């Protein structure tokens, strides 16, 4: 197996993982929003919901950055 084929296979696997992580990050974010809305003014529940929202947004940002980095490296090295 050539190095190019190996890198293309790795890229395909990473892209699938990133897609899955985008879905997971979106679900965590939405879960936090739902929990925040139904908290009913309870400060403890609202704080926990804010954490879910923040973690979901951080996860989405990291996945977007990794996806961009993988594509940039692939396009730079292999046109």
N, C-alpha and C. Protein backbone atom coordinates (compact mmCIF):
# COMPACT_ATOMS: atom_id res chain seq x y z
N UNK A 1 0.85 -1.17 0.00
CA UNK A 1 0.00 0.00 0.00
C UNK A 1 0.90 1.24 0.00
N UNK A 2 0.60 2.14 -0.90
CA UNK A 2 1.42 3.34 -0.99
C UNK A 2 1.05 4.31 0.12
N UNK A 3 1.95 5.23 0.35
CA UNK A 3 1.73 6.24 1.39
C UNK A 3 0.54 7.13 1.05
N UNK A 4 0.33 7.41 -0.23
CA UNK A 4 -0.79 8.25 -0.64
C UNK A 4 -2.11 7.55 -0.33
N UNK A 5 -2.20 6.28 -0.63
CA UNK A 5 -3.42 5.51 -0.35
C UNK A 5 -3.66 5.44 1.15
N UNK A 6 -2.60 5.26 1.92
CA UNK A 6 -2.72 5.21 3.37
C UNK A 6 -3.24 6.53 3.93
N UNK A 7 -2.73 7.63 3.44
CA UNK A 7 -3.18 8.95 3.89
C UNK A 7 -4.62 9.20 3.47
N UNK A 8 -4.99 8.78 2.27
CA UNK A 8 -6.37 8.95 1.83
C UNK A 8 -7.33 8.13 2.69
N UNK A 9 -6.93 6.93 3.07
CA UNK A 9 -7.76 6.11 3.96
C UNK A 9 -7.89 6.77 5.33
N UNK A 10 -6.78 7.29 5.84
CA UNK A 10 -6.82 7.97 7.14
C UNK A 10 -7.71 9.21 7.07
N UNK A 11 -7.65 9.94 5.97
CA UNK A 11 -8.50 11.12 5.80
C UNK A 11 -9.98 10.73 5.79
N UNK A 12 -10.31 9.64 5.12
CA UNK A 12 -11.69 9.19 5.07
C UNK A 12 -12.21 8.82 6.45
N UNK A 13 -11.39 8.13 7.22
CA UNK A 13 -11.78 7.74 8.58
C UNK A 13 -11.95 8.97 9.45
N UNK A 14 -11.01 9.91 9.37
CA UNK A 14 -11.07 11.14 10.18
C UNK A 14 -12.31 11.95 9.80
N UNK A 15 -12.61 12.05 8.53
CA UNK A 15 -13.80 12.80 8.11
C UNK A 15 -15.08 12.18 8.65
N UNK A 16 -15.15 10.85 8.68
CA UNK A 16 -16.33 10.18 9.25
C UNK A 16 -16.42 10.43 10.76
N UNK A 17 -15.29 10.37 11.44
CA UNK A 17 -15.28 10.64 12.87
C UNK A 17 -15.68 12.09 13.17
N UNK A 18 -15.20 13.00 12.37
CA UNK A 18 -15.52 14.41 12.57
C UNK A 18 -17.01 14.63 12.35
N UNK A 19 -17.58 13.99 11.34
CA UNK A 19 -19.02 14.11 11.10
C UNK A 19 -19.82 13.61 12.29
N UNK A 20 -19.38 12.50 12.86
CA UNK A 20 -20.05 11.95 14.04
C UNK A 20 -19.90 12.91 15.22
N UNK A 21 -18.73 13.49 15.37
CA UNK A 21 -18.51 14.42 16.47
C UNK A 21 -19.31 15.71 16.30
N UNK A 22 -19.50 16.15 15.05
CA UNK A 22 -20.37 17.31 14.81
C UNK A 22 -21.79 17.03 15.30
N UNK A 23 -22.28 15.84 15.01
CA UNK A 23 -23.63 15.47 15.45
C UNK A 23 -23.68 15.42 16.97
N UNK A 24 -22.68 14.81 17.60
CA UNK A 24 -22.64 14.72 19.05
C UNK A 24 -22.56 16.11 19.70
N UNK A 25 -21.71 16.97 19.17
CA UNK A 25 -21.59 18.34 19.69
C UNK A 25 -22.89 19.11 19.57
N UNK A 26 -23.56 18.93 18.45
CA UNK A 26 -24.84 19.61 18.25
C UNK A 26 -25.88 19.09 19.24
N UNK A 27 -25.91 17.78 19.47
CA UNK A 27 -26.86 17.21 20.42
C UNK A 27 -26.59 17.70 21.85
N UNK A 28 -25.32 17.79 22.23
CA UNK A 28 -24.98 18.29 23.57
C UNK A 28 -25.42 19.74 23.71
N UNK A 29 -25.16 20.54 22.69
CA UNK A 29 -25.57 21.94 22.71
C UNK A 29 -27.09 22.06 22.84
N UNK A 30 -27.81 21.32 22.01
CA UNK A 30 -29.27 21.39 22.06
C UNK A 30 -29.82 20.87 23.38
N UNK A 31 -29.20 19.83 23.94
CA UNK A 31 -29.63 19.33 25.24
C UNK A 31 -29.47 20.43 26.30
N UNK A 32 -28.36 21.16 26.24
CA UNK A 32 -28.16 22.26 27.17
C UNK A 32 -29.20 23.35 27.01
N UNK A 33 -29.54 23.67 25.78
CA UNK A 33 -30.57 24.70 25.53
C UNK A 33 -31.91 24.24 26.09
N UNK A 34 -32.28 22.99 25.83
CA UNK A 34 -33.55 22.46 26.34
C UNK A 34 -33.56 22.48 27.87
N UNK A 35 -32.47 22.04 28.47
CA UNK A 35 -32.39 22.03 29.93
C UNK A 35 -32.46 23.44 30.50
N UNK A 36 -31.87 24.39 29.82
CA UNK A 36 -31.90 25.79 30.27
C UNK A 36 -33.33 26.34 30.23
N UNK A 37 -34.03 26.01 29.17
CA UNK A 37 -35.39 26.52 29.01
C UNK A 37 -36.33 25.92 30.06
N UNK A 38 -36.18 24.63 30.35
CA UNK A 38 -37.09 23.99 31.29
C UNK A 38 -36.61 24.09 32.74
N UNK A 39 -35.51 24.79 33.00
CA UNK A 39 -34.97 24.90 34.36
C UNK A 39 -35.92 25.63 35.28
N UNK A 40 -36.74 26.48 34.77
CA UNK A 40 -37.74 27.16 35.58
C UNK A 40 -37.15 28.11 36.62
N UNK A 41 -36.01 28.69 36.34
CA UNK A 41 -35.42 29.66 37.26
C UNK A 41 -34.54 29.04 38.34
N UNK A 42 -34.42 27.71 38.37
CA UNK A 42 -33.55 27.05 39.34
C UNK A 42 -32.09 27.31 38.94
N UNK A 43 -31.37 28.04 39.80
CA UNK A 43 -30.00 28.45 39.46
C UNK A 43 -29.07 27.27 39.23
N UNK A 44 -29.21 26.21 40.01
CA UNK A 44 -28.33 25.05 39.86
C UNK A 44 -28.55 24.37 38.51
N UNK A 45 -29.81 24.19 38.14
CA UNK A 45 -30.12 23.56 36.86
C UNK A 45 -29.69 24.45 35.70
N UNK A 46 -29.85 25.76 35.86
CA UNK A 46 -29.44 26.68 34.80
C UNK A 46 -27.92 26.67 34.62
N UNK A 47 -27.17 26.58 35.72
CA UNK A 47 -25.72 26.53 35.63
C UNK A 47 -25.26 25.25 34.95
N UNK A 48 -25.91 24.13 35.27
CA UNK A 48 -25.57 22.87 34.62
C UNK A 48 -25.88 22.93 33.12
N UNK A 49 -27.01 23.53 32.78
CA UNK A 49 -27.39 23.66 31.38
C UNK A 49 -26.40 24.55 30.63
N UNK A 50 -25.94 25.62 31.28
CA UNK A 50 -24.93 26.49 30.65
C UNK A 50 -23.66 25.72 30.35
N UNK A 51 -23.28 24.82 31.27
CA UNK A 51 -22.08 24.00 31.02
C UNK A 51 -22.26 23.12 29.79
N UNK A 52 -23.43 22.51 29.62
CA UNK A 52 -23.68 21.71 28.42
C UNK A 52 -23.60 22.57 27.17
N UNK A 53 -24.16 23.76 27.23
CA UNK A 53 -24.12 24.66 26.08
C UNK A 53 -22.67 25.01 25.74
N UNK A 54 -21.89 25.35 26.74
CA UNK A 54 -20.49 25.73 26.52
C UNK A 54 -19.70 24.55 25.98
N UNK A 55 -19.86 23.37 26.59
CA UNK A 55 -19.13 22.19 26.11
C UNK A 55 -19.52 21.83 24.69
N UNK A 56 -20.80 21.96 24.36
CA UNK A 56 -21.24 21.69 22.99
C UNK A 56 -20.62 22.65 21.99
N UNK A 57 -20.58 23.93 22.34
CA UNK A 57 -19.98 24.92 21.45
C UNK A 57 -18.47 24.71 21.30
N UNK A 58 -17.80 24.39 22.40
CA UNK A 58 -16.36 24.12 22.31
C UNK A 58 -16.11 22.89 21.44
N UNK A 59 -16.92 21.85 21.62
CA UNK A 59 -16.76 20.66 20.80
C UNK A 59 -16.97 20.95 19.32
N UNK A 60 -17.99 21.74 19.01
CA UNK A 60 -18.23 22.10 17.61
C UNK A 60 -17.08 22.91 17.03
N UNK A 61 -16.55 23.85 17.82
CA UNK A 61 -15.43 24.65 17.35
C UNK A 61 -14.20 23.79 17.10
N UNK A 62 -13.90 22.89 18.02
CA UNK A 62 -12.73 22.02 17.86
C UNK A 62 -12.88 21.12 16.64
N UNK A 63 -14.06 20.56 16.45
CA UNK A 63 -14.27 19.69 15.30
C UNK A 63 -14.17 20.46 13.99
N UNK A 64 -14.70 21.68 13.97
CA UNK A 64 -14.58 22.50 12.77
C UNK A 64 -13.11 22.81 12.48
N UNK A 65 -12.34 23.11 13.52
CA UNK A 65 -10.92 23.41 13.34
C UNK A 65 -10.15 22.19 12.85
N UNK A 66 -10.43 21.02 13.41
CA UNK A 66 -9.75 19.79 12.99
C UNK A 66 -10.12 19.46 11.56
N UNK A 67 -11.39 19.59 11.23
CA UNK A 67 -11.83 19.31 9.86
C UNK A 67 -11.11 20.24 8.87
N UNK A 68 -11.02 21.51 9.20
CA UNK A 68 -10.33 22.46 8.33
C UNK A 68 -8.85 22.15 8.22
N UNK A 69 -8.23 21.76 9.32
CA UNK A 69 -6.82 21.43 9.32
C UNK A 69 -6.54 20.19 8.47
N UNK A 70 -7.35 19.17 8.61
CA UNK A 70 -7.18 17.95 7.81
C UNK A 70 -7.32 18.27 6.32
N UNK A 71 -8.33 19.04 5.97
CA UNK A 71 -8.52 19.40 4.56
C UNK A 71 -7.39 20.28 4.04
N UNK A 72 -6.91 21.21 4.84
CA UNK A 72 -5.81 22.08 4.42
C UNK A 72 -4.54 21.27 4.18
N UNK A 73 -4.24 20.36 5.08
CA UNK A 73 -3.03 19.52 4.93
C UNK A 73 -3.17 18.62 3.71
N UNK A 74 -4.33 18.02 3.54
CA UNK A 74 -4.54 17.13 2.40
C UNK A 74 -4.43 17.89 1.09
N UNK A 75 -5.05 19.06 1.02
CA UNK A 75 -4.99 19.83 -0.22
C UNK A 75 -3.60 20.37 -0.49
N UNK A 76 -2.87 20.70 0.55
CA UNK A 76 -1.51 21.20 0.37
C UNK A 76 -0.58 20.10 -0.12
N UNK A 77 -0.68 18.94 0.47
CA UNK A 77 0.22 17.86 0.10
C UNK A 77 -0.17 17.13 -1.17
N UNK A 78 -1.46 17.01 -1.44
CA UNK A 78 -1.90 16.19 -2.56
C UNK A 78 -2.74 16.91 -3.58
N UNK A 79 -2.81 18.23 -3.48
CA UNK A 79 -3.51 19.03 -4.47
C UNK A 79 -4.96 18.77 -4.48
